[in-house]
N, C-alpha and C. Protein backbone atom coordinates (compact mmCIF):
# COMPACT_ATOMS: atom_id res chain seq x y z
N UNK A 1 7.27 -0.20 -34.38
CA UNK A 1 8.44 -0.68 -33.60
C UNK A 1 7.52 -1.27 -32.21
N UNK A 2 8.09 -2.53 -31.91
CA UNK A 2 7.61 -3.13 -30.48
C UNK A 2 8.46 -3.04 -29.80
N UNK A 3 9.73 -2.18 -29.91
CA UNK A 3 10.85 -2.18 -29.20
C UNK A 3 10.67 -0.12 -28.64
N UNK A 4 11.86 -0.12 -27.41
CA UNK A 4 12.56 1.01 -27.97
C UNK A 4 12.32 1.70 -28.73
N UNK A 5 12.55 3.33 -28.79
CA UNK A 5 12.35 4.00 -30.23
C UNK A 5 14.05 3.83 -30.44
N UNK A 6 15.16 3.74 -29.85
CA UNK A 6 16.24 3.25 -30.98
C UNK A 6 17.00 2.35 -30.76
N UNK A 7 16.20 1.49 -30.34
CA UNK A 7 16.55 -0.26 -30.71
C UNK A 7 15.58 -1.46 -31.42
N UNK A 8 16.13 -1.85 -32.37
CA UNK A 8 15.60 -2.45 -33.14
C UNK A 8 16.13 -3.86 -33.15
N UNK A 9 14.98 -4.82 -33.22
CA UNK A 9 15.23 -6.27 -32.47
C UNK A 9 14.82 -7.55 -33.80
N UNK A 10 15.99 -8.14 -34.25
CA UNK A 10 15.94 -8.73 -35.38
C UNK A 10 15.74 -10.39 -34.89
N UNK A 11 14.98 -11.43 -35.20
CA UNK A 11 14.68 -12.52 -34.51
C UNK A 11 15.10 -13.07 -36.01
N UNK A 12 15.76 -14.14 -35.53
CA UNK A 12 17.00 -15.35 -36.56
C UNK A 12 16.46 -16.28 -36.10
N UNK A 13 16.01 -17.22 -37.29
CA UNK A 13 15.49 -18.76 -36.53
C UNK A 13 15.99 -19.35 -37.56
N UNK A 14 15.40 -19.97 -37.83
CA UNK A 14 15.25 -21.44 -39.56
C UNK A 14 15.68 -23.36 -39.03
N UNK A 15 15.61 -23.55 -39.85
CA UNK A 15 15.59 -25.03 -40.12
C UNK A 15 17.60 -25.33 -39.38
N UNK A 16 17.07 -26.66 -38.63
CA UNK A 16 17.70 -27.13 -38.10
C UNK A 16 19.32 -27.64 -39.39
N UNK A 17 20.99 -27.38 -38.89
CA UNK A 17 21.22 -27.71 -39.81
C UNK A 17 21.46 -26.80 -41.07
N UNK A 18 20.89 -25.66 -40.83
CA UNK A 18 20.94 -24.83 -42.38
C UNK A 18 21.45 -23.71 -42.21
N UNK A 19 22.28 -23.37 -41.02
CA UNK A 19 23.55 -22.45 -41.01
C UNK A 19 23.33 -21.16 -39.98
N UNK A 20 22.29 -21.85 -39.30
CA UNK A 20 21.94 -20.12 -38.63
C UNK A 20 22.70 -19.52 -37.59
N UNK A 21 24.04 -20.58 -37.16
CA UNK A 21 24.73 -20.04 -36.31
C UNK A 21 25.76 -19.78 -36.58
N UNK A 22 26.42 -19.27 -38.58
CA UNK A 22 26.71 -18.83 -39.25
C UNK A 22 26.32 -17.56 -39.68
N UNK A 23 25.09 -17.72 -40.24
CA UNK A 23 24.50 -16.45 -40.23
C UNK A 23 24.45 -15.04 -39.30
N UNK A 24 24.49 -15.71 -37.70
CA UNK A 24 24.04 -14.92 -36.20
C UNK A 24 26.07 -14.36 -36.47
N UNK A 25 26.77 -15.15 -36.51
CA UNK A 25 28.29 -14.42 -36.56
C UNK A 25 28.55 -13.53 -37.45
N UNK A 26 28.14 -13.36 -39.32
CA UNK A 26 28.24 -12.64 -39.74
C UNK A 26 26.93 -11.35 -39.12
N UNK A 27 25.91 -11.40 -38.93
CA UNK A 27 25.28 -10.23 -38.50
C UNK A 27 26.45 -9.32 -37.09
N UNK A 28 26.78 -10.05 -36.40
CA UNK A 28 27.76 -9.32 -35.19
C UNK A 28 29.34 -8.63 -36.15
N UNK A 29 29.07 -8.69 -37.20
CA UNK A 29 29.93 -8.15 -37.82
C UNK A 29 29.44 -6.58 -38.68
N UNK A 30 27.94 -6.50 -38.28
CA UNK A 30 27.33 -5.28 -38.93
C UNK A 30 26.36 -4.93 -37.79
N UNK A 31 27.50 -5.19 -36.62
CA UNK A 31 27.13 -3.47 -35.53
C UNK A 31 25.43 -4.59 -34.94
N UNK A 32 25.32 -5.47 -34.73
CA UNK A 32 24.17 -6.78 -33.82
C UNK A 32 24.91 -6.77 -32.61
N UNK A 33 24.16 -6.58 -31.61
CA UNK A 33 24.31 -7.60 -30.42
C UNK A 33 23.22 -8.74 -30.50
N UNK A 34 24.39 -9.67 -29.86
CA UNK A 34 23.60 -11.24 -29.95
C UNK A 34 22.94 -11.65 -28.60
N UNK A 35 21.61 -11.89 -28.77
CA UNK A 35 21.05 -12.79 -27.65
C UNK A 35 20.95 -14.24 -28.06
N UNK A 36 21.63 -15.52 -27.32
CA UNK A 36 21.84 -16.58 -27.85
C UNK A 36 20.63 -17.63 -27.07
N UNK A 37 19.47 -17.35 -28.12
CA UNK A 37 18.48 -18.80 -27.22
C UNK A 37 18.74 -19.78 -26.62
N UNK A 38 20.00 -19.93 -27.35
CA UNK A 38 20.64 -21.64 -27.53
C UNK A 38 21.23 -21.59 -25.86
N UNK A 39 22.05 -20.58 -25.82
CA UNK A 39 22.70 -20.36 -25.03
C UNK A 39 22.17 -20.37 -23.52
N UNK A 40 20.91 -19.81 -24.05
CA UNK A 40 20.18 -19.68 -22.73
C UNK A 40 19.23 -20.73 -22.04
N UNK A 41 18.86 -21.47 -23.56
CA UNK A 41 18.17 -22.92 -22.79
C UNK A 41 18.74 -23.51 -21.96
N UNK A 42 20.54 -23.72 -22.40
CA UNK A 42 21.38 -24.54 -21.66
C UNK A 42 21.64 -23.90 -20.15
N UNK A 43 21.66 -22.42 -20.27
CA UNK A 43 21.61 -22.32 -18.86
C UNK A 43 20.73 -22.03 -18.09
N UNK A 44 19.67 -22.74 -18.66
CA UNK A 44 18.72 -22.01 -17.79
C UNK A 44 18.30 -23.66 -16.65
N UNK A 45 18.99 -24.33 -17.57
CA UNK A 45 19.14 -25.89 -16.96
C UNK A 45 20.12 -26.24 -16.19
N UNK A 46 20.58 -25.46 -15.52
CA UNK A 46 21.75 -25.90 -15.10
C UNK A 46 21.72 -26.42 -13.27
N UNK A 47 22.46 -26.79 -13.06
CA UNK A 47 21.65 -28.25 -11.51
C UNK A 47 21.72 -26.86 -10.67
N UNK A 48 20.44 -27.00 -9.76
CA UNK A 48 19.51 -26.31 -9.00
C UNK A 48 18.90 -25.11 -9.17
N UNK A 49 18.88 -24.91 -10.56
CA UNK A 49 18.08 -23.93 -10.85
C UNK A 49 16.80 -24.93 -10.99
N UNK A 50 15.88 -23.88 -11.06
CA UNK A 50 14.38 -24.33 -10.92
C UNK A 50 13.37 -24.85 -12.18
N UNK A 51 13.92 -24.93 -13.40
CA UNK A 51 13.74 -25.01 -14.73
C UNK A 51 14.40 -26.97 -14.37
N UNK A 52 15.29 -27.02 -13.97
CA UNK A 52 15.73 -28.58 -14.26
C UNK A 52 15.22 -29.38 -13.05
N UNK A 53 15.10 -28.57 -11.82
CA UNK A 53 13.72 -29.61 -11.18
C UNK A 53 12.43 -29.52 -11.71
N UNK A 54 11.81 -28.78 -12.42
CA UNK A 54 10.70 -28.97 -13.25
C UNK A 54 11.29 -30.31 -14.52
N UNK A 55 11.66 -30.05 -15.26
CA UNK A 55 12.15 -31.73 -15.54
C UNK A 55 12.49 -32.84 -15.00
N UNK A 56 12.97 -32.38 -14.42
CA UNK A 56 13.17 -33.65 -13.26
C UNK A 56 12.41 -34.49 -12.88
N UNK A 57 11.25 -33.42 -12.32
CA UNK A 57 10.15 -33.62 -11.49
C UNK A 57 9.08 -34.55 -12.68
N UNK A 58 8.98 -34.05 -13.84
CA UNK A 58 7.82 -34.34 -14.91
C UNK A 58 8.34 -35.71 -15.33
N UNK A 59 10.27 -35.59 -16.02
CA UNK A 59 10.35 -37.03 -16.77
C UNK A 59 10.99 -37.57 -15.91
N UNK A 60 11.50 -37.71 -14.47
CA UNK A 60 12.13 -38.70 -14.02
C UNK A 60 13.17 -39.06 -13.83
N UNK A 61 13.89 -40.21 -12.64
CA UNK A 61 15.64 -40.21 -13.27
C UNK A 61 15.85 -40.63 -14.23
N UNK A 62 15.57 -41.46 -15.51
CA UNK A 62 15.70 -41.64 -16.64
C UNK A 62 16.71 -40.42 -17.58
N UNK A 63 16.68 -38.95 -17.11
CA UNK A 63 17.19 -37.92 -17.85
C UNK A 63 17.70 -37.40 -16.14
N UNK A 64 18.27 -38.16 -15.51
CA UNK A 64 19.09 -37.27 -14.38
C UNK A 64 20.04 -37.84 -14.55
N UNK A 65 21.32 -37.35 -14.47
CA UNK A 65 22.49 -38.47 -14.48
C UNK A 65 23.08 -37.68 -13.00
N UNK A 66 23.96 -39.67 -12.31
CA UNK A 66 24.02 -39.18 -11.00
C UNK A 66 24.97 -38.67 -10.21
N UNK A 67 26.00 -37.18 -11.10
CA UNK A 67 25.96 -35.87 -10.81
C UNK A 67 24.72 -35.00 -10.74
N UNK A 68 23.62 -35.65 -11.06
CA UNK A 68 22.37 -34.55 -11.07
C UNK A 68 22.35 -33.14 -12.08
N UNK A 69 22.97 -33.82 -13.07
CA UNK A 69 22.82 -32.93 -14.09
C UNK A 69 22.26 -33.64 -15.56
N UNK A 70 21.52 -32.91 -16.39
CA UNK A 70 20.61 -33.64 -17.14
C UNK A 70 21.50 -34.94 -17.75
N UNK A 71 20.47 -35.19 -18.85
CA UNK A 71 20.64 -36.41 -19.05
C UNK A 71 20.48 -36.13 -20.66
N UNK A 72 21.12 -35.13 -21.50
CA UNK A 72 20.26 -34.85 -22.68
C UNK A 72 19.92 -35.63 -23.91
N UNK A 73 21.36 -36.76 -23.59
CA UNK A 73 21.11 -37.59 -24.58
C UNK A 73 19.68 -38.65 -24.15
N UNK A 74 19.10 -38.85 -23.29
CA UNK A 74 18.34 -39.23 -22.61
C UNK A 74 16.89 -38.62 -23.02
N UNK A 75 17.13 -37.59 -22.35
CA UNK A 75 16.04 -36.12 -22.71
C UNK A 75 15.65 -36.58 -24.40
N UNK A 76 16.44 -36.50 -25.28
CA UNK A 76 16.95 -36.31 -26.71
C UNK A 76 15.85 -37.39 -27.29
N UNK A 77 16.40 -38.08 -27.12
CA UNK A 77 16.00 -39.84 -27.27
C UNK A 77 13.84 -39.86 -26.85
N UNK A 78 13.81 -38.74 -25.73
CA UNK A 78 12.32 -39.16 -25.46
C UNK A 78 11.72 -37.47 -26.34
N UNK A 79 12.03 -37.00 -26.53
CA UNK A 79 10.63 -36.13 -27.07
C UNK A 79 10.96 -35.91 -28.32
N UNK A 80 12.53 -36.65 -29.13
CA UNK A 80 12.38 -36.27 -30.25
C UNK A 80 11.88 -37.28 -30.85
N UNK A 81 10.87 -38.40 -30.19
CA UNK A 81 10.48 -39.29 -30.64
C UNK A 81 9.34 -39.33 -30.42
N UNK A 82 8.71 -37.95 -29.80
CA UNK A 82 7.28 -38.41 -28.77
C UNK A 82 6.73 -36.37 -29.48
N UNK A 83 6.40 -35.83 -30.05
CA UNK A 83 5.90 -34.67 -29.62
C UNK A 83 5.42 -34.40 -29.25
N UNK A 84 4.59 -34.96 -28.48
CA UNK A 84 3.39 -34.49 -27.64
C UNK A 84 4.95 -34.59 -25.72
N UNK A 85 5.60 -35.63 -25.70
CA UNK A 85 6.74 -35.14 -24.09
C UNK A 85 7.61 -33.55 -25.25
N UNK A 86 7.83 -33.32 -26.33
CA UNK A 86 8.62 -31.95 -26.75
C UNK A 86 7.73 -31.22 -26.30
N UNK A 87 5.96 -31.53 -26.45
CA UNK A 87 5.44 -30.13 -26.26
C UNK A 87 5.73 -29.52 -24.90
N UNK A 88 5.87 -31.19 -24.13
CA UNK A 88 5.48 -30.78 -22.47
C UNK A 88 7.33 -30.11 -21.99
N UNK A 89 7.79 -30.49 -22.63
CA UNK A 89 9.60 -29.87 -21.74
C UNK A 89 9.60 -28.57 -22.48
N UNK A 90 8.71 -28.07 -23.82
CA UNK A 90 9.13 -26.88 -24.16
C UNK A 90 8.14 -26.17 -23.00
N UNK A 91 6.99 -26.66 -22.37
CA UNK A 91 5.77 -25.97 -21.95
C UNK A 91 6.77 -25.54 -19.94
N UNK A 92 7.69 -26.27 -20.18
CA UNK A 92 8.24 -26.46 -18.63
C UNK A 92 9.11 -25.31 -19.00
N UNK A 93 10.44 -24.89 -20.12
CA UNK A 93 11.30 -24.07 -20.67
C UNK A 93 11.04 -22.72 -20.93
N UNK A 94 10.07 -22.89 -21.94
CA UNK A 94 9.73 -21.70 -22.84
C UNK A 94 9.95 -20.46 -21.58
N UNK A 95 9.22 -20.63 -20.15
CA UNK A 95 8.97 -19.41 -20.02
C UNK A 95 10.43 -19.44 -18.94
N UNK A 96 10.99 -19.79 -18.68
CA UNK A 96 11.91 -18.94 -17.90
C UNK A 96 13.50 -18.54 -19.13
N UNK A 97 13.77 -19.39 -20.43
CA UNK A 97 14.10 -18.83 -21.78
C UNK A 97 13.34 -17.38 -21.74
N UNK A 98 12.31 -16.98 -21.67
CA UNK A 98 11.57 -15.96 -22.30
C UNK A 98 11.73 -14.27 -21.21
N UNK A 99 11.79 -14.64 -20.15
CA UNK A 99 12.29 -14.03 -18.74
C UNK A 99 13.90 -13.71 -19.22
N UNK A 100 14.65 -14.62 -19.13
CA UNK A 100 16.16 -14.35 -19.85
C UNK A 100 15.93 -13.81 -21.00
N UNK A 101 15.23 -13.85 -22.05
CA UNK A 101 15.46 -12.83 -22.93
C UNK A 101 15.03 -11.91 -22.85
N UNK A 102 14.44 -11.46 -22.44
CA UNK A 102 13.55 -10.41 -21.95
C UNK A 102 14.78 -9.32 -20.88
N UNK A 103 15.24 -9.92 -20.07
CA UNK A 103 16.07 -9.49 -19.54
C UNK A 103 17.55 -9.02 -20.21
N UNK A 104 17.83 -9.65 -21.32
CA UNK A 104 18.87 -9.25 -22.44
C UNK A 104 18.49 -8.27 -22.68
N UNK A 105 17.25 -8.20 -23.24
CA UNK A 105 16.57 -7.34 -24.09
C UNK A 105 16.90 -5.71 -23.49
N UNK A 106 16.54 -5.61 -22.34
CA UNK A 106 16.51 -4.45 -21.43
C UNK A 106 17.78 -4.15 -21.39
N UNK A 107 18.90 -5.02 -20.86
CA UNK A 107 20.09 -4.51 -20.68
C UNK A 107 20.83 -4.11 -21.96
N UNK A 108 20.78 -4.33 -23.29
CA UNK A 108 20.79 -4.27 -24.34
C UNK A 108 20.49 -2.80 -24.63
N UNK A 109 19.52 -2.05 -24.84
CA UNK A 109 18.63 -1.18 -24.59
C UNK A 109 19.07 -0.41 -23.59
N UNK A 110 19.48 -0.43 -22.23
CA UNK A 110 19.90 0.58 -21.76
C UNK A 110 21.73 0.69 -21.89
N UNK A 111 21.97 -0.12 -22.02
CA UNK A 111 22.78 0.33 -22.51
C UNK A 111 23.17 1.21 -24.18
N UNK A 112 21.93 1.36 -24.78
CA UNK A 112 21.88 2.05 -26.55
C UNK A 112 22.45 1.36 -27.07
N UNK A 113 22.46 0.24 -27.11
CA UNK A 113 22.24 -0.63 -29.07
C UNK A 113 21.39 -0.42 -29.49
N UNK A 114 21.84 0.11 -30.50
CA UNK A 114 20.67 0.12 -32.28
C UNK A 114 19.75 -0.94 -32.21
N UNK A 115 20.90 -2.57 -32.73
CA UNK A 115 20.45 -3.45 -33.09
C UNK A 115 21.14 -4.41 -32.43
N UNK A 116 20.12 -5.22 -31.94
CA UNK A 116 19.73 -6.74 -31.66
C UNK A 116 19.32 -8.17 -32.91
N UNK A 117 20.21 -8.72 -32.00
CA UNK A 117 19.85 -10.14 -33.24
C UNK A 117 19.05 -11.38 -31.85
N UNK A 118 18.04 -11.38 -32.00
CA UNK A 118 17.95 -12.66 -31.20
C UNK A 118 18.10 -14.07 -31.83
N UNK A 119 18.59 -14.92 -31.81
CA UNK A 119 19.30 -15.93 -32.21
C UNK A 119 18.34 -17.31 -31.94
N UNK A 120 17.14 -17.64 -32.12
CA UNK A 120 16.22 -18.63 -31.52
C UNK A 120 15.86 -19.69 -32.68
N UNK A 121 16.43 -20.76 -32.07
CA UNK A 121 15.71 -21.82 -33.23
C UNK A 121 14.52 -22.00 -33.02
N UNK A 122 13.87 -21.88 -31.99
CA UNK A 122 12.28 -22.45 -31.40
C UNK A 122 11.80 -20.38 -31.25
N UNK A 123 12.29 -19.94 -32.01
CA UNK A 123 11.71 -18.00 -31.64
C UNK A 123 9.50 -18.10 -32.20
N UNK A 124 8.87 -18.89 -33.38
CA UNK A 124 7.84 -18.96 -33.61
C UNK A 124 7.25 -19.81 -32.05
N UNK A 125 7.61 -20.97 -31.48
CA UNK A 125 7.07 -22.27 -30.90
C UNK A 125 7.05 -21.59 -29.49
N UNK A 126 8.38 -20.77 -29.13
CA UNK A 126 8.36 -20.42 -27.48
C UNK A 126 7.82 -18.68 -27.40
N UNK A 127 7.05 -17.98 -28.87
CA UNK A 127 6.45 -17.20 -28.17
C UNK A 127 7.48 -15.70 -28.00
N UNK A 128 8.77 -15.70 -28.60
CA UNK A 128 10.27 -15.39 -28.89
C UNK A 128 9.96 -14.30 -29.67
N UNK A 129 9.31 -14.97 -30.60
CA UNK A 129 8.55 -13.61 -32.16
C UNK A 129 8.32 -12.24 -31.69
N UNK A 130 7.49 -12.69 -30.38
CA UNK A 130 6.39 -11.14 -29.89
C UNK A 130 7.90 -9.82 -29.83
N UNK A 131 9.01 -10.93 -29.31
CA UNK A 131 9.98 -9.12 -29.26
C UNK A 131 10.57 -8.59 -30.52
N UNK A 132 9.96 -9.45 -31.74
CA UNK A 132 11.13 -8.56 -32.60
C UNK A 132 10.25 -7.97 -33.46
N UNK A 133 11.06 -7.64 -34.48
CA UNK A 133 10.37 -5.40 -34.90
C UNK A 133 10.47 -7.02 -36.80
N UNK A 134 12.00 -7.25 -36.75
CA UNK A 134 11.68 -8.12 -37.88
C UNK A 134 12.19 -9.60 -37.58
N UNK A 135 11.79 -10.66 -38.83
CA UNK A 135 12.37 -12.05 -39.12
C UNK A 135 13.18 -12.39 -39.40
N UNK A 136 14.48 -12.96 -40.03
CA UNK A 136 14.92 -13.64 -40.88
C UNK A 136 15.23 -15.06 -40.50
N UNK A 137 14.88 -16.08 -41.22
CA UNK A 137 14.62 -17.73 -41.59
C UNK A 137 15.57 -17.96 -42.30
N UNK A 138 16.92 -18.90 -42.26
CA UNK A 138 17.60 -19.58 -42.38
C UNK A 138 17.33 -21.01 -42.93
N UNK A 139 17.19 -21.12 -44.53
CA UNK A 139 16.81 -22.39 -44.93
C UNK A 139 18.04 -23.25 -45.48
N UNK A 140 17.74 -24.36 -45.91
CA UNK A 140 18.99 -24.64 -46.92
C UNK A 140 17.70 -26.58 -47.06
N UNK A 141 18.13 -27.47 -48.13
CA UNK A 141 17.74 -28.09 -49.06
C UNK A 141 17.80 -29.39 -47.17
N UNK A 142 16.68 -30.54 -47.43
CA UNK A 142 17.15 -31.45 -46.88
C UNK A 142 18.17 -32.10 -46.26
N UNK A 143 18.55 -32.82 -47.69
CA UNK A 143 19.68 -33.45 -47.96
C UNK A 143 20.93 -32.78 -47.48
N UNK A 144 21.42 -31.46 -47.83
CA UNK A 144 22.37 -30.87 -47.48
C UNK A 144 21.98 -30.38 -45.83
N UNK A 145 20.59 -30.37 -44.92
CA UNK A 145 21.11 -30.34 -43.92
C UNK A 145 21.27 -31.40 -42.87
N UNK A 146 20.70 -33.18 -43.18
CA UNK A 146 21.09 -33.96 -42.73
C UNK A 146 22.49 -34.00 -42.62
N UNK A 147 23.11 -33.93 -43.57
CA UNK A 147 24.60 -34.42 -43.83
C UNK A 147 25.73 -33.16 -42.68
N UNK A 148 24.84 -31.85 -42.84
CA UNK A 148 25.28 -31.11 -41.60
C UNK A 148 25.11 -31.70 -40.16
N UNK A 149 23.81 -31.53 -40.24
CA UNK A 149 23.65 -32.15 -38.61
C UNK A 149 24.44 -33.51 -38.08
N UNK A 150 24.53 -34.57 -39.12
CA UNK A 150 25.35 -36.23 -38.85
C UNK A 150 26.84 -35.02 -38.40
N UNK A 151 27.01 -34.40 -39.12
CA UNK A 151 28.48 -34.50 -38.71
C UNK A 151 28.64 -33.32 -37.78
N UNK A 152 28.10 -32.30 -37.44
CA UNK A 152 27.82 -31.61 -36.17
C UNK A 152 27.64 -32.19 -34.61
N UNK A 153 26.51 -32.80 -35.03
CA UNK A 153 26.29 -33.44 -33.87
C UNK A 153 26.84 -34.73 -33.66
N UNK A 154 27.40 -35.77 -34.59
CA UNK A 154 27.68 -36.55 -34.35
C UNK A 154 26.18 -38.17 -34.20
N UNK A 155 25.52 -37.24 -35.32
CA UNK A 155 24.39 -38.54 -35.02
C UNK A 155 24.32 -39.18 -36.56
N UNK A 156 23.32 -40.39 -36.02
CA UNK A 156 22.96 -40.98 -37.55
C UNK A 156 22.08 -40.89 -38.42
N UNK A 157 21.84 -40.96 -39.43
CA UNK A 157 20.95 -40.52 -40.62
C UNK A 157 19.49 -40.50 -39.86
N UNK A 158 19.33 -41.45 -38.98
CA UNK A 158 17.86 -41.99 -38.71
C UNK A 158 17.48 -40.88 -37.66
N UNK A 159 18.53 -40.25 -36.38
CA UNK A 159 18.70 -39.40 -35.45
C UNK A 159 18.57 -37.79 -36.04
N UNK A 160 19.11 -37.75 -37.19
CA UNK A 160 19.21 -36.61 -38.34
C UNK A 160 17.51 -36.46 -38.11
N UNK A 161 16.84 -37.17 -39.09
CA UNK A 161 16.22 -36.62 -39.13
C UNK A 161 15.00 -36.81 -38.79
N UNK A 162 15.35 -37.45 -36.88
CA UNK A 162 14.34 -37.00 -35.92
C UNK A 162 14.10 -35.48 -36.10
N UNK A 163 15.48 -35.03 -35.32
CA UNK A 163 15.24 -33.62 -34.90
C UNK A 163 14.82 -32.27 -36.52
N UNK A 164 15.16 -33.25 -37.66
CA UNK A 164 14.31 -32.24 -39.10
C UNK A 164 12.96 -32.10 -38.73
N UNK A 165 12.32 -33.80 -38.45
CA UNK A 165 10.65 -33.65 -38.68
C UNK A 165 10.11 -33.31 -36.99
N UNK A 166 10.57 -33.37 -36.18
CA UNK A 166 10.43 -32.28 -34.85
C UNK A 166 10.07 -30.69 -34.69
N UNK A 167 10.41 -30.46 -36.51
CA UNK A 167 10.66 -29.01 -36.12
C UNK A 167 9.63 -28.42 -36.94
N UNK A 168 8.86 -27.07 -38.06
CA UNK A 168 8.32 -26.23 -38.35
C UNK A 168 8.94 -26.97 -39.86
N UNK A 169 7.77 -26.58 -40.50
CA UNK A 169 8.23 -27.20 -42.20
C UNK A 169 8.52 -26.13 -42.69
N UNK A 170 9.34 -26.11 -43.85
CA UNK A 170 9.84 -25.27 -44.67
C UNK A 170 8.87 -24.17 -45.05
N UNK A 171 7.54 -24.10 -45.42
CA UNK A 171 6.33 -23.77 -45.69
C UNK A 171 6.40 -22.35 -44.73
N UNK A 172 6.20 -23.18 -43.50
CA UNK A 172 6.06 -22.35 -42.15
C UNK A 172 6.54 -21.39 -42.14
N UNK A 173 8.80 -21.73 -42.25
CA UNK A 173 9.19 -20.12 -42.25
C UNK A 173 9.14 -19.47 -44.03
N UNK A 174 8.78 -19.73 -44.62
CA UNK A 174 8.51 -19.02 -45.97
C UNK A 174 7.42 -17.66 -45.92
N UNK A 175 6.40 -18.84 -45.52
CA UNK A 175 5.12 -17.90 -44.41
C UNK A 175 5.55 -16.77 -43.70
N UNK A 176 6.45 -16.87 -42.66
CA UNK A 176 6.45 -16.36 -41.41
C UNK A 176 7.72 -15.05 -41.16
N UNK A 177 8.29 -15.01 -42.47
CA UNK A 177 9.22 -14.43 -42.22
C UNK A 177 9.74 -12.74 -42.93
N UNK A 178 10.03 -11.80 -42.80
CA UNK A 178 10.28 -10.99 -43.56
C UNK A 178 11.35 -11.15 -44.74
N UNK A 179 12.56 -11.92 -44.28
CA UNK A 179 14.30 -12.05 -44.95
C UNK A 179 13.77 -13.37 -45.50
N UNK A 180 14.10 -14.17 -45.64
CA UNK A 180 14.92 -15.48 -46.15
C UNK A 180 16.59 -15.61 -46.65
N UNK A 181 17.28 -16.79 -45.72
CA UNK A 181 18.12 -16.63 -46.25
C UNK A 181 18.63 -17.90 -46.73
N UNK A 182 19.06 -18.43 -48.29
CA UNK A 182 19.06 -19.81 -48.40
C UNK A 182 20.85 -20.00 -48.21
N UNK A 183 20.62 -21.73 -48.02
CA UNK A 183 22.12 -21.53 -47.21
C UNK A 183 22.44 -23.07 -47.93
N UNK A 184 22.47 -22.96 -49.71
CA UNK A 184 22.59 -23.98 -50.28
C UNK A 184 24.23 -23.95 -50.77
N UNK A 185 24.72 -22.97 -50.53
CA UNK A 185 25.91 -22.79 -51.48
C UNK A 185 27.09 -22.39 -50.81
N UNK A 186 28.06 -22.15 -51.01
CA UNK A 186 29.04 -21.48 -49.81
C UNK A 186 29.35 -20.82 -48.93
N UNK A 187 30.28 -20.67 -47.89
CA UNK A 187 30.51 -19.46 -47.21
C UNK A 187 30.50 -18.14 -47.73
N UNK A 188 31.53 -17.83 -48.89
CA UNK A 188 31.19 -16.45 -49.51
C UNK A 188 30.15 -16.26 -49.80
N UNK A 189 29.51 -17.17 -50.25
CA UNK A 189 27.35 -16.93 -51.00
C UNK A 189 27.18 -16.36 -49.42
N UNK A 190 26.60 -17.65 -48.52
CA UNK A 190 25.68 -17.02 -47.23
C UNK A 190 26.30 -15.83 -46.85
N UNK A 191 27.91 -15.54 -46.89
CA UNK A 191 28.06 -14.18 -46.11
C UNK A 191 27.57 -12.92 -47.12
N UNK A 192 27.55 -13.20 -48.47
CA UNK A 192 27.35 -11.86 -49.05
C UNK A 192 25.55 -11.57 -48.59
N UNK A 193 25.05 -12.93 -48.55
CA UNK A 193 23.55 -12.82 -48.30
C UNK A 193 23.12 -12.55 -46.99
N UNK A 194 24.22 -12.82 -45.81
CA UNK A 194 23.71 -12.75 -44.79
C UNK A 194 23.92 -11.23 -44.81
N UNK A 195 24.84 -10.80 -45.26
CA UNK A 195 25.30 -9.45 -44.88
C UNK A 195 24.40 -8.08 -45.13
N UNK A 196 24.30 -8.36 -46.76
CA UNK A 196 22.58 -7.62 -47.71
C UNK A 196 21.84 -7.39 -46.87
N UNK A 197 21.25 -8.31 -45.94
CA UNK A 197 19.97 -8.38 -45.64
C UNK A 197 20.39 -7.54 -44.01
N UNK A 198 21.08 -7.70 -43.26
CA UNK A 198 21.84 -7.38 -42.44
C UNK A 198 21.63 -5.63 -42.24
N UNK A 199 22.35 -5.40 -43.21
CA UNK A 199 22.59 -3.73 -44.01
C UNK A 199 21.21 -2.64 -43.91
N UNK A 200 20.27 -4.27 -44.54
CA UNK A 200 18.86 -3.26 -45.37
C UNK A 200 18.46 -3.34 -44.30
N UNK A 201 18.20 -4.35 -42.91
CA UNK A 201 17.56 -4.43 -41.42
C UNK A 201 17.60 -2.69 -41.13
N UNK A 202 19.05 -2.23 -40.76
CA UNK A 202 19.64 -1.89 -40.43
C UNK A 202 18.78 -0.45 -41.31
N UNK A 203 18.28 -0.22 -41.79
CA UNK A 203 17.59 1.11 -42.55
C UNK A 203 16.40 1.16 -42.22
N UNK A 204 15.80 0.56 -41.38
CA UNK A 204 14.45 0.46 -40.38
C UNK A 204 14.75 1.53 -39.62
N UNK A 205 15.47 1.43 -38.54
CA UNK A 205 15.69 2.00 -37.86
C UNK A 205 16.31 3.23 -38.12
C-alpha cells in the first residue's frame, strides 16, 4: 500500500470521450469518495491565483479575457496544436494540481474514508499515479469517442481529433493499468462493468 493503512486510492483515467466521468459516478455508488482532478484544474486557474498569473506570464495577453479570467478557447487552440506548448502548460499547472490532490487525500484519510477515487485525465503525465494503489483506465473505439467529444464540447471533428491526438495512446493505458473498462456499448453494460471493478478493488483493503 502506498497510503495510510486503512485508505485505498484508485486512480481513474483513460481516453477523452471514453466515458470516464460516467464511470466515476458509478464508483460513488460503491463507497468511493471522489477527488476530481478536472475540477481542481479549474480551481487553480481562478483569477488572482498564482497558477493563472504564471500562465499569463508565459502565454501572454492572448489567453487573457478583459476581466482577467482565462480565455480557455484561446489557450486550447495553442496547446492542442503544439505538443511542446501543452507540455509547457502542464509544467505550470501540475505542481498546483498535485498539491491540492494531496490536500484532499489527507482530508479524506483524516475522516477515516476507506476508498478514494482519484479521477484524473492526466493521471500518468502529472505524476498523480504515484498516489494510487490501483489504476483503472476507461477506453473506447476512436470513432465513438470522437462523436462523444463533438457532442459534449460542441467541437468540430478536426478539433475533437486534435484533443484525442494530444493524449497518450490506447496501448499505453492497456500496459499501465490494473483494470480496463471498455465502453463501446450502452449504459447498462458500462454500469455493470464499473460496479464489478469497484467491488473487486474494495477486496484489496
